[in-house]
Amino acid sequence: TAKFRAVPSAEQISRWLKIVRAQCPAA
C-alpha cells in the first residue's frame, strides 16, 4: 500500500504453509 512495503518472501510463505498444514491439512 502507500504506507506499507513489508510483504513476505516466497520462502517465508512456503515455510508458513508447511507449519499450518501440519495441523490444518487443507490450508
mmCIF file of all heavy atoms, coordinates in Angstrom:
data_MODEL
# 
_entry.id   MODEL 
# 
loop_
_atom_site.group_PDB 
_atom_site.id 
_atom_site.type_symbol 
_atom_site.label_atom_id 
_atom_site.label_alt_id 
_atom_site.label_comp_id 
_atom_site.label_asym_id 
_atom_site.label_entity_id 
_atom_site.label_seq_id 
_atom_site.pdbx_PDB_ins_code 
_atom_site.Cartn_x 
_atom_site.Cartn_y 
_atom_site.Cartn_z 
_atom_site.occupancy 
_atom_site.B_iso_or_equiv 
_atom_site.pdbx_formal_charge 
_atom_site.auth_seq_id 
_atom_site.auth_comp_id 
_atom_site.auth_asym_id 
_atom_site.auth_atom_id 
_atom_site.pdbx_PDB_model_num 
ATOM 1   N N   . THR A 1 1  ? 0.854  -1.183  0.000  1.00 0.00 ? 1  THR A N   1 
ATOM 2   C CA  . THR A 1 1  ? 0.000  0.000   0.000  1.00 0.00 ? 1  THR A CA  1 
ATOM 3   C C   . THR A 1 1  ? 0.891  1.234   0.000  1.00 0.00 ? 1  THR A C   1 
ATOM 4   O O   . THR A 1 1  ? 2.127  1.136   -0.003 1.00 0.00 ? 1  THR A O   1 
ATOM 5   C CB  . THR A 1 1  ? -0.925 0.037   1.239  1.00 0.00 ? 1  THR A CB  1 
ATOM 6   O OG1 . THR A 1 1  ? -0.133 0.316   2.407  1.00 0.00 ? 1  THR A OG1 1 
ATOM 7   C CG2 . THR A 1 1  ? -1.655 -1.285  1.425  1.00 0.00 ? 1  THR A CG2 1 
ATOM 8   N N   . ALA A 1 2  ? 0.283  2.393   0.042  1.00 0.00 ? 2  ALA A N   1 
ATOM 9   C CA  . ALA A 1 2  ? 1.058  3.639   0.042  1.00 0.00 ? 2  ALA A CA  1 
ATOM 10  C C   . ALA A 1 2  ? 1.976  3.738   1.251  1.00 0.00 ? 2  ALA A C   1 
ATOM 11  O O   . ALA A 1 2  ? 3.036  4.358   1.181  1.00 0.00 ? 2  ALA A O   1 
ATOM 12  C CB  . ALA A 1 2  ? 0.108  4.833   0.007  1.00 0.00 ? 2  ALA A CB  1 
ATOM 13  N N   . LYS A 1 3  ? 1.594  3.098   2.369  1.00 0.00 ? 3  LYS A N   1 
ATOM 14  C CA  . LYS A 1 3  ? 2.374  3.214   3.596  1.00 0.00 ? 3  LYS A CA  1 
ATOM 15  C C   . LYS A 1 3  ? 2.973  1.891   4.054  1.00 0.00 ? 3  LYS A C   1 
ATOM 16  O O   . LYS A 1 3  ? 3.589  1.835   5.117  1.00 0.00 ? 3  LYS A O   1 
ATOM 17  C CB  . LYS A 1 3  ? 1.506  3.783   4.714  1.00 0.00 ? 3  LYS A CB  1 
ATOM 18  C CG  . LYS A 1 3  ? 1.014  5.204   4.463  1.00 0.00 ? 3  LYS A CG  1 
ATOM 19  C CD  . LYS A 1 3  ? 0.218  5.717   5.640  1.00 0.00 ? 3  LYS A CD  1 
ATOM 20  C CE  . LYS A 1 3  ? -0.222 7.153   5.420  1.00 0.00 ? 3  LYS A CE  1 
ATOM 21  N NZ  . LYS A 1 3  ? -0.997 7.680   6.580  1.00 0.00 ? 3  LYS A NZ  1 
ATOM 22  N N   . PHE A 1 4  ? 2.813  0.842   3.257  1.00 0.00 ? 4  PHE A N   1 
ATOM 23  C CA  . PHE A 1 4  ? 3.273  -0.479  3.693  1.00 0.00 ? 4  PHE A CA  1 
ATOM 24  C C   . PHE A 1 4  ? 4.037  -1.167  2.572  1.00 0.00 ? 4  PHE A C   1 
ATOM 25  O O   . PHE A 1 4  ? 3.557  -1.254  1.440  1.00 0.00 ? 4  PHE A O   1 
ATOM 26  C CB  . PHE A 1 4  ? 2.073  -1.344  4.112  1.00 0.00 ? 4  PHE A CB  1 
ATOM 27  C CG  . PHE A 1 4  ? 2.453  -2.718  4.576  1.00 0.00 ? 4  PHE A CG  1 
ATOM 28  C CD1 . PHE A 1 4  ? 2.881  -2.937  5.868  1.00 0.00 ? 4  PHE A CD1 1 
ATOM 29  C CD2 . PHE A 1 4  ? 2.410  -3.800  3.700  1.00 0.00 ? 4  PHE A CD2 1 
ATOM 30  C CE1 . PHE A 1 4  ? 3.255  -4.204  6.295  1.00 0.00 ? 4  PHE A CE1 1 
ATOM 31  C CE2 . PHE A 1 4  ? 2.778  -5.063  4.108  1.00 0.00 ? 4  PHE A CE2 1 
ATOM 32  C CZ  . PHE A 1 4  ? 3.207  -5.268  5.404  1.00 0.00 ? 4  PHE A CZ  1 
ATOM 33  N N   . ARG A 1 5  ? 5.222  -1.675  2.901  1.00 0.00 ? 5  ARG A N   1 
ATOM 34  C CA  . ARG A 1 5  ? 6.050  -2.342  1.904  1.00 0.00 ? 5  ARG A CA  1 
ATOM 35  C C   . ARG A 1 5  ? 6.580  -3.698  2.378  1.00 0.00 ? 5  ARG A C   1 
ATOM 36  O O   . ARG A 1 5  ? 7.234  -4.402  1.603  1.00 0.00 ? 5  ARG A O   1 
ATOM 37  C CB  . ARG A 1 5  ? 7.254  -1.450  1.544  1.00 0.00 ? 5  ARG A CB  1 
ATOM 38  C CG  . ARG A 1 5  ? 6.884  -0.176  0.783  1.00 0.00 ? 5  ARG A CG  1 
ATOM 39  C CD  . ARG A 1 5  ? 6.433  -0.512  -0.634 1.00 0.00 ? 5  ARG A CD  1 
ATOM 40  N NE  . ARG A 1 5  ? 6.228  0.669   -1.456 1.00 0.00 ? 5  ARG A NE  1 
ATOM 41  C CZ  . ARG A 1 5  ? 5.105  1.351   -1.499 1.00 0.00 ? 5  ARG A CZ  1 
ATOM 42  N NH1 . ARG A 1 5  ? 4.099  0.981   -0.729 1.00 0.00 ? 5  ARG A NH1 1 
ATOM 43  N NH2 . ARG A 1 5  ? 4.970  2.402   -2.291 1.00 0.00 ? 5  ARG A NH2 1 
ATOM 44  N N   . ALA A 1 6  ? 6.316  -4.071  3.618  1.00 0.00 ? 6  ALA A N   1 
ATOM 45  C CA  . ALA A 1 6  ? 6.945  -5.261  4.203  1.00 0.00 ? 6  ALA A CA  1 
ATOM 46  C C   . ALA A 1 6  ? 6.209  -6.545  3.815  1.00 0.00 ? 6  ALA A C   1 
ATOM 47  O O   . ALA A 1 6  ? 5.734  -7.295  4.664  1.00 0.00 ? 6  ALA A O   1 
ATOM 48  C CB  . ALA A 1 6  ? 7.012  -5.123  5.725  1.00 0.00 ? 6  ALA A CB  1 
ATOM 49  N N   . VAL A 1 7  ? 6.141  -6.814  2.516  1.00 0.00 ? 7  VAL A N   1 
ATOM 50  C CA  . VAL A 1 7  ? 5.468  -8.025  2.050  1.00 0.00 ? 7  VAL A CA  1 
ATOM 51  C C   . VAL A 1 7  ? 6.389  -9.233  2.276  1.00 0.00 ? 7  VAL A C   1 
ATOM 52  O O   . VAL A 1 7  ? 7.615  -9.109  2.242  1.00 0.00 ? 7  VAL A O   1 
ATOM 53  C CB  . VAL A 1 7  ? 5.080  -7.917  0.567  1.00 0.00 ? 7  VAL A CB  1 
ATOM 54  C CG1 . VAL A 1 7  ? 4.099  -6.775  0.353  1.00 0.00 ? 7  VAL A CG1 1 
ATOM 55  C CG2 . VAL A 1 7  ? 6.307  -7.719  -0.309 1.00 0.00 ? 7  VAL A CG2 1 
ATOM 56  N N   . PRO A 1 8  ? 5.822  -10.406 2.517  1.00 0.00 ? 8  PRO A N   1 
ATOM 57  C CA  . PRO A 1 8  ? 6.655  -11.579 2.809  1.00 0.00 ? 8  PRO A CA  1 
ATOM 58  C C   . PRO A 1 8  ? 7.303  -12.142 1.559  1.00 0.00 ? 8  PRO A C   1 
ATOM 59  O O   . PRO A 1 8  ? 6.838  -11.935 0.437  1.00 0.00 ? 8  PRO A O   1 
ATOM 60  C CB  . PRO A 1 8  ? 5.652  -12.564 3.407  1.00 0.00 ? 8  PRO A CB  1 
ATOM 61  C CG  . PRO A 1 8  ? 4.348  -12.202 2.771  1.00 0.00 ? 8  PRO A CG  1 
ATOM 62  C CD  . PRO A 1 8  ? 4.384  -10.708 2.610  1.00 0.00 ? 8  PRO A CD  1 
ATOM 63  N N   . SER A 1 9  ? 8.374  -12.889 1.771  1.00 0.00 ? 9  SER A N   1 
ATOM 64  C CA  . SER A 1 9  ? 9.066  -13.549 0.667  1.00 0.00 ? 9  SER A CA  1 
ATOM 65  C C   . SER A 1 9  ? 8.403  -14.876 0.348  1.00 0.00 ? 9  SER A C   1 
ATOM 66  O O   . SER A 1 9  ? 7.638  -15.436 1.159  1.00 0.00 ? 9  SER A O   1 
ATOM 67  C CB  . SER A 1 9  ? 10.530 -13.794 1.035  1.00 0.00 ? 9  SER A CB  1 
ATOM 68  O OG  . SER A 1 9  ? 10.616 -14.779 2.072  1.00 0.00 ? 9  SER A OG  1 
ATOM 69  N N   . ALA A 1 10 ? 8.719  -15.415 -0.815 1.00 0.00 ? 10 ALA A N   1 
ATOM 70  C CA  . ALA A 1 10 ? 8.191  -16.728 -1.203 1.00 0.00 ? 10 ALA A CA  1 
ATOM 71  C C   . ALA A 1 10 ? 8.666  -17.807 -0.228 1.00 0.00 ? 10 ALA A C   1 
ATOM 72  O O   . ALA A 1 10 ? 7.922  -18.737 0.105  1.00 0.00 ? 10 ALA A O   1 
ATOM 73  C CB  . ALA A 1 10 ? 8.619  -17.067 -2.624 1.00 0.00 ? 10 ALA A CB  1 
ATOM 74  N N   . GLU A 1 11 ? 9.913  -17.672 0.244  1.00 0.00 ? 11 GLU A N   1 
ATOM 75  C CA  . GLU A 1 11 ? 10.444 -18.661 1.188  1.00 0.00 ? 11 GLU A CA  1 
ATOM 76  C C   . GLU A 1 11 ? 9.664  -18.628 2.498  1.00 0.00 ? 11 GLU A C   1 
ATOM 77  O O   . GLU A 1 11 ? 9.344  -19.674 3.080  1.00 0.00 ? 11 GLU A O   1 
ATOM 78  C CB  . GLU A 1 11 ? 11.926 -18.376 1.457  1.00 0.00 ? 11 GLU A CB  1 
ATOM 79  C CG  . GLU A 1 11 ? 12.631 -19.433 2.310  1.00 0.00 ? 11 GLU A CG  1 
ATOM 80  C CD  . GLU A 1 11 ? 12.417 -19.232 3.793  1.00 0.00 ? 11 GLU A CD  1 
ATOM 81  O OE1 . GLU A 1 11 ? 12.230 -18.070 4.228  1.00 0.00 ? 11 GLU A OE1 1 
ATOM 82  O OE2 . GLU A 1 11 ? 12.427 -20.242 4.535  1.00 0.00 ? 11 GLU A OE2 1 
ATOM 83  N N   . GLN A 1 12 ? 9.340  -17.441 2.981  1.00 0.00 ? 12 GLN A N   1 
ATOM 84  C CA  . GLN A 1 12 ? 8.557  -17.334 4.208  1.00 0.00 ? 12 GLN A CA  1 
ATOM 85  C C   . GLN A 1 12 ? 7.169  -17.941 4.034  1.00 0.00 ? 12 GLN A C   1 
ATOM 86  O O   . GLN A 1 12 ? 6.696  -18.712 4.879  1.00 0.00 ? 12 GLN A O   1 
ATOM 87  C CB  . GLN A 1 12 ? 8.410  -15.857 4.606  1.00 0.00 ? 12 GLN A CB  1 
ATOM 88  C CG  . GLN A 1 12 ? 9.661  -15.218 5.171  1.00 0.00 ? 12 GLN A CG  1 
ATOM 89  C CD  . GLN A 1 12 ? 9.441  -13.751 5.482  1.00 0.00 ? 12 GLN A CD  1 
ATOM 90  O OE1 . GLN A 1 12 ? 9.042  -12.976 4.612  1.00 0.00 ? 12 GLN A OE1 1 
ATOM 91  N NE2 . GLN A 1 12 ? 9.698  -13.371 6.737  1.00 0.00 ? 12 GLN A NE2 1 
ATOM 92  N N   . ILE A 1 13 ? 6.544  -17.625 2.926  1.00 0.00 ? 13 ILE A N   1 
ATOM 93  C CA  . ILE A 1 13 ? 5.188  -18.123 2.680  1.00 0.00 ? 13 ILE A CA  1 
ATOM 94  C C   . ILE A 1 13 ? 5.178  -19.645 2.623  1.00 0.00 ? 13 ILE A C   1 
ATOM 95  O O   . ILE A 1 13 ? 4.297  -20.315 3.194  1.00 0.00 ? 13 ILE A O   1 
ATOM 96  C CB  . ILE A 1 13 ? 4.632  -17.512 1.381  1.00 0.00 ? 13 ILE A CB  1 
ATOM 97  C CG1 . ILE A 1 13 ? 4.468  -15.999 1.521  1.00 0.00 ? 13 ILE A CG1 1 
ATOM 98  C CG2 . ILE A 1 13 ? 3.294  -18.147 1.012  1.00 0.00 ? 13 ILE A CG2 1 
ATOM 99  C CD1 . ILE A 1 13 ? 4.202  -15.289 0.216  1.00 0.00 ? 13 ILE A CD1 1 
ATOM 100 N N   . SER A 1 14 ? 6.160  -20.214 1.936  1.00 0.00 ? 14 SER A N   1 
ATOM 101 C CA  . SER A 1 14 ? 6.251  -21.672 1.843  1.00 0.00 ? 14 SER A CA  1 
ATOM 102 C C   . SER A 1 14 ? 6.442  -22.310 3.217  1.00 0.00 ? 14 SER A C   1 
ATOM 103 O O   . SER A 1 14 ? 5.824  -23.331 3.542  1.00 0.00 ? 14 SER A O   1 
ATOM 104 C CB  . SER A 1 14 ? 7.408  -22.059 0.915  1.00 0.00 ? 14 SER A CB  1 
ATOM 105 O OG  . SER A 1 14 ? 7.586  -23.458 0.877  1.00 0.00 ? 14 SER A OG  1 
ATOM 106 N N   . ARG A 1 15 ? 7.282  -21.697 4.046  1.00 0.00 ? 15 ARG A N   1 
ATOM 107 C CA  . ARG A 1 15 ? 7.536  -22.239 5.385  1.00 0.00 ? 15 ARG A CA  1 
ATOM 108 C C   . ARG A 1 15 ? 6.276  -22.182 6.243  1.00 0.00 ? 15 ARG A C   1 
ATOM 109 O O   . ARG A 1 15 ? 5.933  -23.147 6.938  1.00 0.00 ? 15 ARG A O   1 
ATOM 110 C CB  . ARG A 1 15 ? 8.661  -21.448 6.045  1.00 0.00 ? 15 ARG A CB  1 
ATOM 111 C CG  . ARG A 1 15 ? 9.067  -22.009 7.403  1.00 0.00 ? 15 ARG A CG  1 
ATOM 112 C CD  . ARG A 1 15 ? 10.277 -21.314 7.985  1.00 0.00 ? 15 ARG A CD  1 
ATOM 113 N NE  . ARG A 1 15 ? 10.002 -19.954 8.441  1.00 0.00 ? 15 ARG A NE  1 
ATOM 114 C CZ  . ARG A 1 15 ? 10.489 -18.856 7.865  1.00 0.00 ? 15 ARG A CZ  1 
ATOM 115 N NH1 . ARG A 1 15 ? 11.247 -18.949 6.785  1.00 0.00 ? 15 ARG A NH1 1 
ATOM 116 N NH2 . ARG A 1 15 ? 10.203 -17.662 8.345  1.00 0.00 ? 15 ARG A NH2 1 
ATOM 117 N N   . TRP A 1 16 ? 5.552  -21.066 6.171  1.00 0.00 ? 16 TRP A N   1 
ATOM 118 C CA  . TRP A 1 16 ? 4.342  -20.934 6.982  1.00 0.00 ? 16 TRP A CA  1 
ATOM 119 C C   . TRP A 1 16 ? 3.254  -21.903 6.540  1.00 0.00 ? 16 TRP A C   1 
ATOM 120 O O   . TRP A 1 16 ? 2.506  -22.437 7.361  1.00 0.00 ? 16 TRP A O   1 
ATOM 121 C CB  . TRP A 1 16 ? 3.836  -19.496 6.912  1.00 0.00 ? 16 TRP A CB  1 
ATOM 122 C CG  . TRP A 1 16 ? 4.773  -18.507 7.533  1.00 0.00 ? 16 TRP A CG  1 
ATOM 123 C CD1 . TRP A 1 16 ? 5.606  -18.725 8.608  1.00 0.00 ? 16 TRP A CD1 1 
ATOM 124 C CD2 . TRP A 1 16 ? 5.008  -17.164 7.113  1.00 0.00 ? 16 TRP A CD2 1 
ATOM 125 N NE1 . TRP A 1 16 ? 6.325  -17.604 8.887  1.00 0.00 ? 16 TRP A NE1 1 
ATOM 126 C CE2 . TRP A 1 16 ? 5.983  -16.617 8.001  1.00 0.00 ? 16 TRP A CE2 1 
ATOM 127 C CE3 . TRP A 1 16 ? 4.495  -16.364 6.109  1.00 0.00 ? 16 TRP A CE3 1 
ATOM 128 C CZ2 . TRP A 1 16 ? 6.444  -15.311 7.882  1.00 0.00 ? 16 TRP A CZ2 1 
ATOM 129 C CZ3 . TRP A 1 16 ? 4.943  -15.066 5.991  1.00 0.00 ? 16 TRP A CZ3 1 
ATOM 130 C CH2 . TRP A 1 16 ? 5.913  -14.545 6.864  1.00 0.00 ? 16 TRP A CH2 1 
ATOM 131 N N   . LEU A 1 17 ? 3.165  -22.139 5.238  1.00 0.00 ? 17 LEU A N   1 
ATOM 132 C CA  . LEU A 1 17 ? 2.162  -23.088 4.764  1.00 0.00 ? 17 LEU A CA  1 
ATOM 133 C C   . LEU A 1 17 ? 2.433  -24.481 5.326  1.00 0.00 ? 17 LEU A C   1 
ATOM 134 O O   . LEU A 1 17 ? 1.506  -25.193 5.736  1.00 0.00 ? 17 LEU A O   1 
ATOM 135 C CB  . LEU A 1 17 ? 2.147  -23.119 3.241  1.00 0.00 ? 17 LEU A CB  1 
ATOM 136 C CG  . LEU A 1 17 ? 1.080  -24.027 2.604  1.00 0.00 ? 17 LEU A CG  1 
ATOM 137 C CD1 . LEU A 1 17 ? -0.322 -23.593 3.024  1.00 0.00 ? 17 LEU A CD1 1 
ATOM 138 C CD2 . LEU A 1 17 ? 1.206  -24.011 1.088  1.00 0.00 ? 17 LEU A CD2 1 
ATOM 139 N N   . LYS A 1 18 ? 3.695  -24.886 5.363  1.00 0.00 ? 18 LYS A N   1 
ATOM 140 C CA  . LYS A 1 18 ? 4.039  -26.193 5.936  1.00 0.00 ? 18 LYS A CA  1 
ATOM 141 C C   . LYS A 1 18 ? 3.689  -26.247 7.421  1.00 0.00 ? 18 LYS A C   1 
ATOM 142 O O   . LYS A 1 18 ? 3.197  -27.270 7.916  1.00 0.00 ? 18 LYS A O   1 
ATOM 143 C CB  . LYS A 1 18 ? 5.526  -26.477 5.727  1.00 0.00 ? 18 LYS A CB  1 
ATOM 144 C CG  . LYS A 1 18 ? 5.911  -26.732 4.274  1.00 0.00 ? 18 LYS A CG  1 
ATOM 145 C CD  . LYS A 1 18 ? 7.422  -26.916 4.130  1.00 0.00 ? 18 LYS A CD  1 
ATOM 146 C CE  . LYS A 1 18 ? 7.811  -27.104 2.662  1.00 0.00 ? 18 LYS A CE  1 
ATOM 147 N NZ  . LYS A 1 18 ? 9.281  -27.199 2.490  1.00 0.00 ? 18 LYS A NZ  1 
ATOM 148 N N   . ILE A 1 19 ? 3.935  -25.150 8.125  1.00 0.00 ? 19 ILE A N   1 
ATOM 149 C CA  . ILE A 1 19 ? 3.615  -25.090 9.550  1.00 0.00 ? 19 ILE A CA  1 
ATOM 150 C C   . ILE A 1 19 ? 2.112  -25.266 9.775  1.00 0.00 ? 19 ILE A C   1 
ATOM 151 O O   . ILE A 1 19 ? 1.677  -26.031 10.647 1.00 0.00 ? 19 ILE A O   1 
ATOM 152 C CB  . ILE A 1 19 ? 4.094  -23.757 10.147 1.00 0.00 ? 19 ILE A CB  1 
ATOM 153 C CG1 . ILE A 1 19 ? 5.626  -23.718 10.207 1.00 0.00 ? 19 ILE A CG1 1 
ATOM 154 C CG2 . ILE A 1 19 ? 3.504  -23.525 11.538 1.00 0.00 ? 19 ILE A CG2 1 
ATOM 155 C CD1 . ILE A 1 19 ? 6.193  -22.369 10.609 1.00 0.00 ? 19 ILE A CD1 1 
ATOM 156 N N   . VAL A 1 20 ? 1.314  -24.569 8.979  1.00 0.00 ? 20 VAL A N   1 
ATOM 157 C CA  . VAL A 1 20 ? -0.137 -24.646 9.154  1.00 0.00 ? 20 VAL A CA  1 
ATOM 158 C C   . VAL A 1 20 ? -0.665 -26.013 8.750  1.00 0.00 ? 20 VAL A C   1 
ATOM 159 O O   . VAL A 1 20 ? -1.499 -26.610 9.448  1.00 0.00 ? 20 VAL A O   1 
ATOM 160 C CB  . VAL A 1 20 ? -0.843 -23.530 8.361  1.00 0.00 ? 20 VAL A CB  1 
ATOM 161 C CG1 . VAL A 1 20 ? -2.359 -23.677 8.475  1.00 0.00 ? 20 VAL A CG1 1 
ATOM 162 C CG2 . VAL A 1 20 ? -0.414 -22.159 8.855  1.00 0.00 ? 20 VAL A CG2 1 
ATOM 163 N N   . ARG A 1 21 ? -0.181 -26.543 7.646  1.00 0.00 ? 21 ARG A N   1 
ATOM 164 C CA  . ARG A 1 21 ? -0.691 -27.822 7.150  1.00 0.00 ? 21 ARG A CA  1 
ATOM 165 C C   . ARG A 1 21 ? -0.383 -28.991 8.092  1.00 0.00 ? 21 ARG A C   1 
ATOM 166 O O   . ARG A 1 21 ? -1.048 -30.020 8.026  1.00 0.00 ? 21 ARG A O   1 
ATOM 167 C CB  . ARG A 1 21 ? -0.136 -28.105 5.754  1.00 0.00 ? 21 ARG A CB  1 
ATOM 168 C CG  . ARG A 1 21 ? -0.885 -27.359 4.664  1.00 0.00 ? 21 ARG A CG  1 
ATOM 169 C CD  . ARG A 1 21 ? -0.449 -27.773 3.286  1.00 0.00 ? 21 ARG A CD  1 
ATOM 170 N NE  . ARG A 1 21 ? -1.355 -27.262 2.271  1.00 0.00 ? 21 ARG A NE  1 
ATOM 171 C CZ  . ARG A 1 21 ? -1.104 -27.289 0.969  1.00 0.00 ? 21 ARG A CZ  1 
ATOM 172 N NH1 . ARG A 1 21 ? 0.040  -27.810 0.527  1.00 0.00 ? 21 ARG A NH1 1 
ATOM 173 N NH2 . ARG A 1 21 ? -1.974 -26.807 0.110  1.00 0.00 ? 21 ARG A NH2 1 
ATOM 174 N N   . ALA A 1 22 ? 0.578  -28.833 8.942  1.00 0.00 ? 22 ALA A N   1 
ATOM 175 C CA  . ALA A 1 22 ? 0.851  -29.879 9.929  1.00 0.00 ? 22 ALA A CA  1 
ATOM 176 C C   . ALA A 1 22 ? -0.336 -30.071 10.862 1.00 0.00 ? 22 ALA A C   1 
ATOM 177 O O   . ALA A 1 22 ? -0.505 -31.150 11.450 1.00 0.00 ? 22 ALA A O   1 
ATOM 178 C CB  . ALA A 1 22 ? 2.098  -29.524 10.731 1.00 0.00 ? 22 ALA A CB  1 
ATOM 179 N N   . GLN A 1 23 ? -1.184 -29.040 10.992 1.00 0.00 ? 23 GLN A N   1 
ATOM 180 C CA  . GLN A 1 23 ? -2.344 -29.130 11.872 1.00 0.00 ? 23 GLN A CA  1 
ATOM 181 C C   . GLN A 1 23 ? -3.671 -28.939 11.125 1.00 0.00 ? 23 GLN A C   1 
ATOM 182 O O   . GLN A 1 23 ? -4.707 -29.460 11.556 1.00 0.00 ? 23 GLN A O   1 
ATOM 183 C CB  . GLN A 1 23 ? -2.234 -28.078 12.980 1.00 0.00 ? 23 GLN A CB  1 
ATOM 184 C CG  . GLN A 1 23 ? -0.977 -28.243 13.832 1.00 0.00 ? 23 GLN A CG  1 
ATOM 185 C CD  . GLN A 1 23 ? -0.954 -27.282 14.986 1.00 0.00 ? 23 GLN A CD  1 
ATOM 186 O OE1 . GLN A 1 23 ? -1.690 -27.448 15.952 1.00 0.00 ? 23 GLN A OE1 1 
ATOM 187 N NE2 . GLN A 1 23 ? -0.107 -26.261 14.897 1.00 0.00 ? 23 GLN A NE2 1 
ATOM 188 N N   . CYS A 1 24 ? -3.632 -28.196 10.043 1.00 0.00 ? 24 CYS A N   1 
ATOM 189 C CA  . CYS A 1 24 ? -4.837 -27.928 9.236  1.00 0.00 ? 24 CYS A CA  1 
ATOM 190 C C   . CYS A 1 24 ? -4.505 -28.302 7.787  1.00 0.00 ? 24 CYS A C   1 
ATOM 191 O O   . CYS A 1 24 ? -4.046 -27.455 7.007  1.00 0.00 ? 24 CYS A O   1 
ATOM 192 C CB  . CYS A 1 24 ? -5.232 -26.459 9.335  1.00 0.00 ? 24 CYS A CB  1 
ATOM 193 S SG  . CYS A 1 24 ? -5.596 -25.897 11.010 1.00 0.00 ? 24 CYS A SG  1 
ATOM 194 N N   . PRO A 1 25 ? -4.718 -29.564 7.417  1.00 0.00 ? 25 PRO A N   1 
ATOM 195 C CA  . PRO A 1 25 ? -4.215 -30.075 6.129  1.00 0.00 ? 25 PRO A CA  1 
ATOM 196 C C   . PRO A 1 25 ? -4.745 -29.357 4.894  1.00 0.00 ? 25 PRO A C   1 
ATOM 197 O O   . PRO A 1 25 ? -4.095 -29.399 3.843  1.00 0.00 ? 25 PRO A O   1 
ATOM 198 C CB  . PRO A 1 25 ? -4.678 -31.536 6.147  1.00 0.00 ? 25 PRO A CB  1 
ATOM 199 C CG  . PRO A 1 25 ? -4.852 -31.865 7.596  1.00 0.00 ? 25 PRO A CG  1 
ATOM 200 C CD  . PRO A 1 25 ? -5.326 -30.613 8.245  1.00 0.00 ? 25 PRO A CD  1 
ATOM 201 N N   . ALA A 1 26 ? -5.892 -28.703 4.998  1.00 0.00 ? 26 ALA A N   1 
ATOM 202 C CA  . ALA A 1 26 ? -6.470 -28.062 3.811  1.00 0.00 ? 26 ALA A CA  1 
ATOM 203 C C   . ALA A 1 26 ? -6.027 -26.615 3.643  1.00 0.00 ? 26 ALA A C   1 
ATOM 204 O O   . ALA A 1 26 ? -6.571 -25.899 2.792  1.00 0.00 ? 26 ALA A O   1 
ATOM 205 C CB  . ALA A 1 26 ? -7.999 -28.129 3.874  1.00 0.00 ? 26 ALA A CB  1 
ATOM 206 N N   . ALA A 1 27 ? -5.053 -26.177 4.417  1.00 0.00 ? 27 ALA A N   1 
ATOM 207 C CA  . ALA A 1 27 ? -4.602 -24.785 4.328  1.00 0.00 ? 27 ALA A CA  1 
ATOM 208 C C   . ALA A 1 27 ? -4.056 -24.479 2.944  1.00 0.00 ? 27 ALA A C   1 
ATOM 209 O O   . ALA A 1 27 ? -3.541 -25.362 2.247  1.00 0.00 ? 27 ALA A O   1 
ATOM 210 C CB  . ALA A 1 27 ? -3.535 -24.517 5.388  1.00 0.00 ? 27 ALA A CB  1 
# 
